Amino acid sequence: MERKLKYLFVVQGEGRGHLTQAMAMEKLLTENGHTVVGMLVGKSQARQLPDFFVHGVSAPVRQFESVNFQPSAENRTVNMLKSILYNIEKFPQYLKSILFLRDAIRESGADVVINFYEILVGITYFNFRIDIPNICIGHQYLFLHRDFRLGESGIPGTESLLIYTKITSIGAKKRLALSFREMSEDSRKRIRVVPPVLRESVLSLEPVKGNYIHGYMLNAGFSEDVLEWHAQHPEVELRFFWDRWTEPKVKKIDDTLSFYLLDDREFLKQMSGCMAYASTAGFESVCEAMYLGKPILMVPSHIEQKCNAFDAVRGGAGISSDFFDLSALLEFSRTFEPDPVFPEWVRSCGKVILKELTDF
């Protein structure tokens, strides 16, 4: 008889992708008789934990202060100097978080820790003897794969990203690399390539081609691009989601432009009915758009998103730009053909990932 295991999740709270992956993973494990005993989520002053996550998981959620990047003054890209100084100042708080993680992991009763790209987990395992094995999961681990060839991207600063990614996975039994396509395992680096983790609420959608562009911006400063393009093309309907929590749930600019506060159910509804999708190149939402057969414009705001965009463009899923060039997206959508293999790869996720999480 297969042993039923207890899992503890530690989740990087920046953005939407790691949170939705954790939600899908919890459902997968519990449906197969396993237990998720808790969710430890990194937090920062710049982000608020979305209601769709708080109310969408069953395990108790606890938060801790974690490393995060600071936006530029115009809230479009990451300000690296500001981020470094900020995190140095917060270092005493991070020491408390490391001790919190050490105690929470040891006292959890879990058989396995699953780390959704939280760097303080790697640092905790480096500094303390913890007998509970951990498994790391994220698209970023694909960048370490021998066949990914990140160097061909020409993106500056990739060495720093690879070092950061390695630190997150210190002490990990294996690295599960979420990927747009199948690839062989890299046993020397303990990397298993697995399908994207999409929730049932995505897999059950029936996409239709609507008459509007759907969008998501992690940094609300990109709204200036959208407003400028809209002024020149008011006939094209735009529905964009952002995380500007000081604004109302729906900020209607006029009849063809609305900004929505991030609401997961509404986000997916709008995704399924759009004609094209524009985003800041978060891995999760790119996968959702690919699964639903939507052409994509990616506008990366930091190095990790630039790597995501490089991978997606290489696979023919979309185009990349430095700003929300919606004219280029409309042009690309005229000849775009969805990848017929990707949905099948995604649907194999449950079987593939469940095996990796229970066999180590």
Protein backbone atom coordinates (compact mmCIF):
# COMPACT_ATOMS: atom_id res chain seq x y z
CA MET A 1 0.00 0.00 0.00
CA GLU A 2 1.35 3.43 -0.96
CA ARG A 3 2.41 5.54 2.00
CA LYS A 4 0.47 8.78 2.44
CA LEU A 5 2.78 11.72 3.07
CA LYS A 6 2.56 15.07 4.82
CA TYR A 7 3.87 18.14 2.98
CA LEU A 8 4.80 21.65 4.07
CA PHE A 9 4.83 24.35 1.39
CA VAL A 10 7.11 27.39 1.48
CA VAL A 11 6.11 29.89 -1.20
CA GLN A 12 7.75 33.01 -2.58
CA GLY A 13 4.93 35.54 -2.38
CA GLU A 14 6.13 37.88 -5.15
CA GLY A 15 3.70 37.97 -8.08
CA ARG A 16 0.94 35.52 -8.88
CA GLY A 17 2.63 32.43 -10.35
CA HIS A 18 4.13 30.72 -7.29
CA LEU A 19 0.85 31.20 -5.40
CA THR A 20 -1.31 29.57 -8.09
CA GLN A 21 1.22 26.74 -8.43
CA ALA A 22 0.92 26.08 -4.70
CA MET A 23 -2.87 26.06 -4.96
CA ALA A 24 -2.80 23.52 -7.79
CA MET A 25 -0.21 21.39 -5.99
CA GLU A 26 -2.24 21.27 -2.79
CA LYS A 27 -5.28 20.06 -4.72
CA LEU A 28 -3.24 17.41 -6.54
CA LEU A 29 -1.76 16.03 -3.34
CA THR A 30 -4.94 16.04 -1.26
CA GLU A 31 -6.95 14.39 -4.04
CA ASN A 32 -4.43 11.55 -3.93
CA GLY A 33 -4.71 11.04 -0.16
CA HIS A 34 -1.74 13.12 0.97
CA THR A 35 -1.86 16.07 3.39
CA VAL A 36 -0.56 19.63 3.19
CA VAL A 37 0.04 20.66 6.80
CA GLY A 38 0.78 24.32 6.16
CA MET A 39 1.71 27.15 3.80
CA LEU A 40 4.56 29.49 4.76
CA VAL A 41 4.48 32.50 2.42
CA GLY A 42 7.13 35.20 2.01
CA LYS A 43 5.79 38.73 2.26
CA SER A 44 6.95 42.29 1.66
CA GLN A 45 5.61 45.80 2.18
CA ALA A 46 5.18 46.20 -1.58
CA ARG A 47 2.80 43.25 -2.08
CA GLN A 48 -0.46 42.16 -0.52
CA LEU A 49 -1.35 38.46 -0.34
CA PRO A 50 -4.32 38.13 -2.74
CA ASP A 51 -7.69 36.99 -1.46
CA PHE A 52 -7.89 34.31 -4.17
CA PHE A 53 -4.95 32.56 -2.47
CA VAL A 54 -5.98 33.10 1.15
CA HIS A 55 -9.47 31.73 0.47
CA GLY A 56 -8.37 29.22 -2.17
CA VAL A 57 -6.16 26.95 -0.05
CA SER A 58 -7.16 24.61 2.74
CA ALA A 59 -3.91 24.47 4.72
CA PRO A 60 -3.23 27.16 7.32
CA VAL A 61 -1.23 30.12 5.97
CA ARG A 62 1.54 31.89 7.89
CA GLN A 63 3.68 34.70 6.53
CA PHE A 64 7.27 35.79 7.10
CA GLU A 65 9.37 38.71 5.92
CA SER A 66 11.40 37.78 2.85
CA VAL A 67 13.81 39.15 0.26
CA ASN A 68 12.15 41.12 -2.52
CA PHE A 69 13.04 43.51 -5.30
CA GLN A 70 12.16 47.20 -5.23
CA PRO A 71 10.51 48.86 -8.25
CA SER A 72 11.88 51.87 -10.06
CA ALA A 73 10.41 55.32 -9.38
CA GLU A 74 8.00 54.93 -12.30
CA ASN A 75 7.04 51.41 -11.05
CA ARG A 76 7.94 49.66 -14.31
CA THR A 77 11.20 47.77 -13.74
CA VAL A 78 13.36 46.63 -10.84
CA ASN A 79 15.77 49.18 -9.32
CA MET A 80 18.75 46.97 -8.46
CA LEU A 81 20.65 49.52 -6.30
CA LYS A 82 17.50 50.35 -4.37
CA SER A 83 16.77 46.61 -3.97
CA ILE A 84 20.26 45.85 -2.64
CA LEU A 85 20.17 48.72 -0.12
CA TYR A 86 16.64 47.81 0.96
CA ASN A 87 17.50 44.16 1.56
CA ILE A 88 20.68 45.05 3.46
CA GLU A 89 18.60 47.24 5.74
CA LYS A 90 16.08 44.42 6.22
CA PHE A 91 18.77 41.79 6.92
CA PRO A 92 18.08 41.61 10.71
CA GLN A 93 14.44 40.81 9.89
CA TYR A 94 15.53 38.10 7.46
CA LEU A 95 17.59 36.47 10.22
CA LYS A 96 14.39 36.25 12.27
CA SER A 97 12.63 34.76 9.23
CA ILE A 98 15.36 32.12 8.84
CA LEU A 99 14.93 31.09 12.49
CA PHE A 100 11.16 31.09 11.96
CA LEU A 101 11.53 28.77 8.96
CA ARG A 102 13.90 26.47 10.83
CA ASP A 103 11.46 26.06 13.72
CA ALA A 104 8.34 25.89 11.53
CA ILE A 105 9.86 23.15 9.35
CA ARG A 106 11.13 21.10 12.28
CA GLU A 107 7.84 21.38 14.18
CA SER A 108 5.52 20.85 11.19
CA GLY A 109 5.43 17.07 11.30
CA ALA A 110 5.89 17.09 7.52
CA ASP A 111 7.62 14.30 5.62
CA VAL A 112 8.59 16.65 2.77
CA VAL A 113 9.08 20.39 2.29
CA ILE A 114 8.16 21.78 -1.13
CA ASN A 115 9.93 25.05 -1.87
CA PHE A 116 8.35 27.35 -4.46
CA TYR A 117 11.52 29.37 -5.18
CA GLU A 118 11.93 30.98 -1.75
CA ILE A 119 15.59 31.86 -1.21
CA LEU A 120 15.40 31.82 2.59
CA VAL A 121 14.63 28.09 2.48
CA GLY A 122 17.98 27.40 0.81
CA ILE A 123 19.75 29.60 3.36
CA THR A 124 17.94 27.83 6.21
CA TYR A 125 18.97 24.39 4.97
CA PHE A 126 22.55 25.63 4.51
CA ASN A 127 22.84 26.90 8.10
CA PHE A 128 20.96 24.24 10.05
CA ARG A 129 20.71 20.49 10.13
CA ILE A 130 17.17 19.70 8.99
CA ASP A 131 16.33 16.06 8.40
CA ILE A 132 13.13 16.71 6.47
CA PRO A 133 13.93 16.50 2.72
CA ASN A 134 12.99 19.40 0.48
CA ILE A 135 12.03 19.50 -3.19
CA CYS A 136 12.25 22.74 -5.19
CA ILE A 137 9.88 23.61 -7.99
CA GLY A 138 9.83 26.48 -10.48
CA HIS A 139 10.51 27.45 -14.07
CA GLN A 140 13.77 29.07 -12.96
CA TYR A 141 15.41 25.66 -12.37
CA LEU A 142 15.16 25.05 -16.11
CA PHE A 143 17.71 27.84 -16.58
CA LEU A 144 20.28 25.58 -14.86
CA HIS A 145 19.60 22.67 -17.25
CA ARG A 146 22.54 21.69 -19.48
CA ASP A 147 20.38 21.92 -22.64
CA PHE A 148 18.59 25.21 -21.94
CA ARG A 149 21.49 27.36 -23.23
CA LEU A 150 20.55 30.56 -21.44
CA GLY A 151 23.79 32.13 -22.68
CA GLU A 152 22.29 32.31 -26.17
CA SER A 153 19.69 34.80 -24.94
CA GLY A 154 22.17 37.67 -24.71
CA ILE A 155 20.42 38.84 -21.53
CA PRO A 156 22.85 40.67 -19.21
CA GLY A 157 23.08 39.53 -15.60
CA THR A 158 22.08 35.91 -16.12
CA GLU A 159 25.00 34.69 -13.97
CA SER A 160 23.53 36.48 -10.96
CA LEU A 161 20.14 34.88 -11.63
CA LEU A 162 21.71 31.42 -11.83
CA ILE A 163 23.53 31.96 -8.53
CA TYR A 164 20.29 33.14 -6.88
CA THR A 165 18.47 30.09 -8.24
CA LYS A 166 21.14 27.73 -6.92
CA ILE A 167 20.91 29.31 -3.46
CA THR A 168 17.13 28.75 -3.34
CA SER A 169 17.73 25.02 -3.86
CA ILE A 170 20.55 24.37 -1.38
CA GLY A 171 19.89 21.02 0.28
CA ALA A 172 17.17 20.02 -2.20
CA LYS A 173 16.77 16.34 -3.08
CA LYS A 174 15.64 17.35 -6.56
CA ARG A 175 14.78 20.40 -8.63
CA LEU A 176 11.52 20.19 -10.56
CA ALA A 177 11.90 22.49 -13.56
CA LEU A 178 8.57 23.64 -14.99
CA SER A 179 8.87 23.81 -18.76
CA PHE A 180 6.93 24.79 -21.88
CA ARG A 181 8.13 21.54 -23.49
CA GLU A 182 9.46 18.09 -22.65
CA MET A 183 13.20 17.76 -22.03
CA SER A 184 15.40 15.00 -20.66
CA GLU A 185 16.44 15.08 -17.02
CA ASP A 186 19.77 16.56 -15.97
CA SER A 187 20.78 14.04 -13.32
CA ARG A 188 24.08 15.73 -12.45
CA LYS A 189 22.18 18.84 -11.33
CA ARG A 190 19.24 16.81 -9.90
CA ILE A 191 16.86 18.46 -12.38
CA ARG A 192 13.65 16.77 -13.54
CA VAL A 193 11.73 18.59 -16.28
CA VAL A 194 7.98 18.62 -15.59
CA PRO A 195 4.86 20.23 -17.13
CA PRO A 196 3.46 23.56 -15.87
CA VAL A 197 1.20 23.26 -12.83
CA LEU A 198 -2.14 24.73 -13.92
CA ARG A 199 -5.28 24.56 -11.83
CA GLU A 200 -8.48 22.79 -12.77
CA SER A 201 -10.16 26.18 -13.11
CA VAL A 202 -7.83 26.79 -16.08
CA LEU A 203 -8.00 23.30 -17.56
CA SER A 204 -11.80 23.36 -17.59
CA LEU A 205 -12.09 26.65 -19.51
CA GLU A 206 -13.54 26.66 -23.03
CA PRO A 207 -11.68 29.43 -24.88
CA VAL A 208 -13.39 31.65 -27.43
CA LYS A 209 -11.92 34.42 -29.56
CA GLY A 210 -13.35 37.72 -28.38
CA ASN A 211 -12.82 41.26 -29.58
CA TYR A 212 -10.66 42.66 -26.76
CA ILE A 213 -7.06 42.51 -25.57
CA HIS A 214 -6.57 41.08 -22.09
CA GLY A 215 -3.56 42.06 -19.99
CA TYR A 216 -1.73 41.78 -16.67
CA MET A 217 1.02 44.04 -15.35
CA LEU A 218 2.95 43.14 -12.20
CA ASN A 219 4.19 46.73 -11.98
CA ALA A 220 1.35 49.21 -12.38
CA GLY A 221 3.67 51.83 -13.88
CA PHE A 222 3.20 50.13 -17.25
CA SER A 223 -0.34 51.55 -17.28
CA GLU A 224 1.11 54.68 -18.91
CA ASP A 225 1.98 52.60 -21.99
CA VAL A 226 -1.55 51.27 -22.14
CA LEU A 227 -3.15 54.70 -21.71
CA GLU A 228 -0.95 56.18 -24.44
CA TRP A 229 -1.75 53.39 -26.91
CA HIS A 230 -5.43 53.56 -26.03
CA ALA A 231 -5.54 57.29 -26.81
CA GLN A 232 -4.40 56.49 -30.35
CA HIS A 233 -6.57 53.36 -30.79
CA PRO A 234 -9.79 53.97 -28.82
CA GLU A 235 -11.70 51.52 -31.03
CA VAL A 236 -9.85 48.49 -29.56
CA GLU A 237 -11.24 47.29 -26.24
CA LEU A 238 -8.65 46.73 -23.50
CA ARG A 239 -9.13 44.94 -20.17
CA PHE A 240 -6.02 45.05 -17.98
CA PHE A 241 -5.36 43.70 -14.49
CA TRP A 242 -2.95 45.31 -12.03
CA ASP A 243 -2.03 45.28 -8.33
CA ARG A 244 -2.72 48.94 -7.51
CA TRP A 245 -4.64 48.20 -4.32
CA THR A 246 -5.50 51.86 -3.71
CA GLU A 247 -7.79 51.81 -6.75
CA PRO A 248 -11.36 50.44 -6.91
CA LYS A 249 -12.06 46.87 -7.99
CA VAL A 250 -12.74 48.06 -11.55
CA LYS A 251 -11.43 51.43 -12.73
CA LYS A 252 -13.30 52.24 -15.92
CA ILE A 253 -11.43 54.85 -17.95
CA ASP A 254 -14.02 54.89 -20.75
CA ASP A 255 -16.14 52.49 -22.81
CA THR A 256 -13.13 50.57 -24.17
CA LEU A 257 -10.53 50.65 -21.37
CA SER A 258 -10.85 49.25 -17.86
CA PHE A 259 -8.29 48.39 -15.18
CA TYR A 260 -9.17 45.56 -12.79
CA LEU A 261 -7.71 44.77 -9.39
CA LEU A 262 -6.19 41.30 -9.49
CA ASP A 263 -9.04 38.85 -9.00
CA ASP A 264 -8.22 35.32 -10.08
CA ARG A 265 -11.67 34.17 -11.17
CA GLU A 266 -12.31 37.31 -13.19
CA PHE A 267 -8.79 37.20 -14.61
CA LEU A 268 -9.26 33.69 -16.02
CA LYS A 269 -12.73 34.52 -17.33
CA GLN A 270 -11.30 37.47 -19.26
CA MET A 271 -8.35 35.37 -20.44
CA SER A 272 -10.58 32.69 -21.95
CA GLY A 273 -12.57 35.19 -24.00
CA CYS A 274 -9.87 37.53 -25.30
CA MET A 275 -8.36 37.75 -28.77
CA ALA A 276 -4.81 38.31 -27.46
CA TYR A 277 -2.93 38.61 -24.17
CA ALA A 278 -0.28 41.11 -23.01
CA SER A 279 1.67 40.73 -19.77
CA THR A 280 4.92 41.34 -17.95
CA ALA A 281 6.01 37.75 -18.78
CA GLY A 282 5.23 35.89 -15.58
CA PHE A 283 5.63 32.18 -16.31
CA GLU A 284 2.25 31.11 -14.96
CA SER A 285 0.05 33.48 -16.94
CA VAL A 286 2.07 32.84 -20.11
CA CYS A 287 1.33 29.12 -19.66
CA GLU A 288 -2.36 29.84 -19.14
CA ALA A 289 -2.48 31.89 -22.34
CA MET A 290 -0.61 29.17 -24.25
CA TYR A 291 -3.00 26.50 -22.97
CA LEU A 292 -5.97 28.59 -24.12
CA GLY A 293 -4.35 29.21 -27.51
CA LYS A 294 -3.91 32.98 -27.17
CA PRO A 295 -1.17 35.01 -28.91
CA ILE A 296 1.03 36.74 -26.34
CA LEU A 297 2.97 39.98 -25.97
CA MET A 298 5.56 39.81 -23.18
CA VAL A 299 7.00 42.97 -21.60
CA PRO A 300 9.55 41.75 -19.02
CA SER A 301 10.20 44.05 -16.06
CA HIS A 302 13.17 42.14 -14.59
CA ILE A 303 15.77 39.54 -15.56
CA GLU A 304 13.72 36.50 -14.57
CA GLN A 305 10.83 37.63 -16.78
CA LYS A 306 13.29 38.33 -19.61
CA CYS A 307 14.38 34.69 -19.42
CA ASN A 308 10.73 33.57 -19.43
CA ALA A 309 10.11 35.68 -22.53
CA PHE A 310 13.24 34.32 -24.24
CA ASP A 311 11.99 30.77 -23.70
CA ALA A 312 8.42 31.50 -24.83
CA VAL A 313 9.46 33.44 -27.95
CA ARG A 314 11.87 30.65 -28.88
CA GLY A 315 8.90 28.26 -28.74
CA GLY A 316 6.72 30.47 -30.96
CA ALA A 317 4.21 31.38 -28.24
CA GLY A 318 4.50 35.12 -28.66
CA ILE A 319 6.63 38.22 -29.06
CA SER A 320 8.63 40.35 -26.63
CA SER A 321 8.97 44.11 -26.27
CA ASP A 322 10.32 46.78 -23.91
CA PHE A 323 6.88 48.40 -23.67
CA PHE A 324 3.23 47.48 -24.18
CA ASP A 325 3.35 47.63 -27.99
CA LEU A 326 -0.20 46.43 -28.58
CA SER A 327 0.02 47.22 -32.30
CA ALA A 328 2.77 44.60 -32.61
CA LEU A 329 0.59 42.13 -30.69
CA LEU A 330 -2.32 42.65 -33.07
CA GLU A 331 -0.01 42.17 -36.05
CA PHE A 332 1.44 38.97 -34.56
CA SER A 333 -2.03 37.60 -33.80
CA ARG A 334 -3.00 37.72 -37.48
CA THR A 335 -0.66 34.82 -38.36
CA PHE A 336 -0.43 33.12 -34.95
CA GLU A 337 -1.13 29.38 -34.71
CA PRO A 338 -1.50 27.76 -31.25
CA ASP A 339 0.91 24.97 -30.27
CA PRO A 340 -1.11 21.71 -30.60
CA VAL A 341 1.31 19.76 -28.36
CA PHE A 342 1.37 22.09 -25.34
CA PRO A 343 -2.14 21.32 -23.95
CA GLU A 344 -1.38 17.58 -23.89
CA TRP A 345 1.93 18.25 -22.11
CA VAL A 346 0.06 20.31 -19.49
CA ARG A 347 -2.58 17.63 -18.97
CA SER A 348 0.14 15.08 -18.13
CA CYS A 349 1.16 17.25 -15.16
CA GLY A 350 -0.72 15.39 -12.43
CA LYS A 351 0.79 12.01 -13.17
CA VAL A 352 4.32 13.31 -13.79
CA ILE A 353 4.60 15.63 -10.78
CA LEU A 354 2.85 13.31 -8.34
CA LYS A 355 5.47 10.66 -9.10
CA GLU A 356 8.29 13.15 -8.49
CA LEU A 357 6.78 14.33 -5.18
CA THR A 358 6.29 10.85 -3.78
CA ASP A 359 9.41 9.11 -5.14
CA PHE A 360 12.64 10.53 -3.75
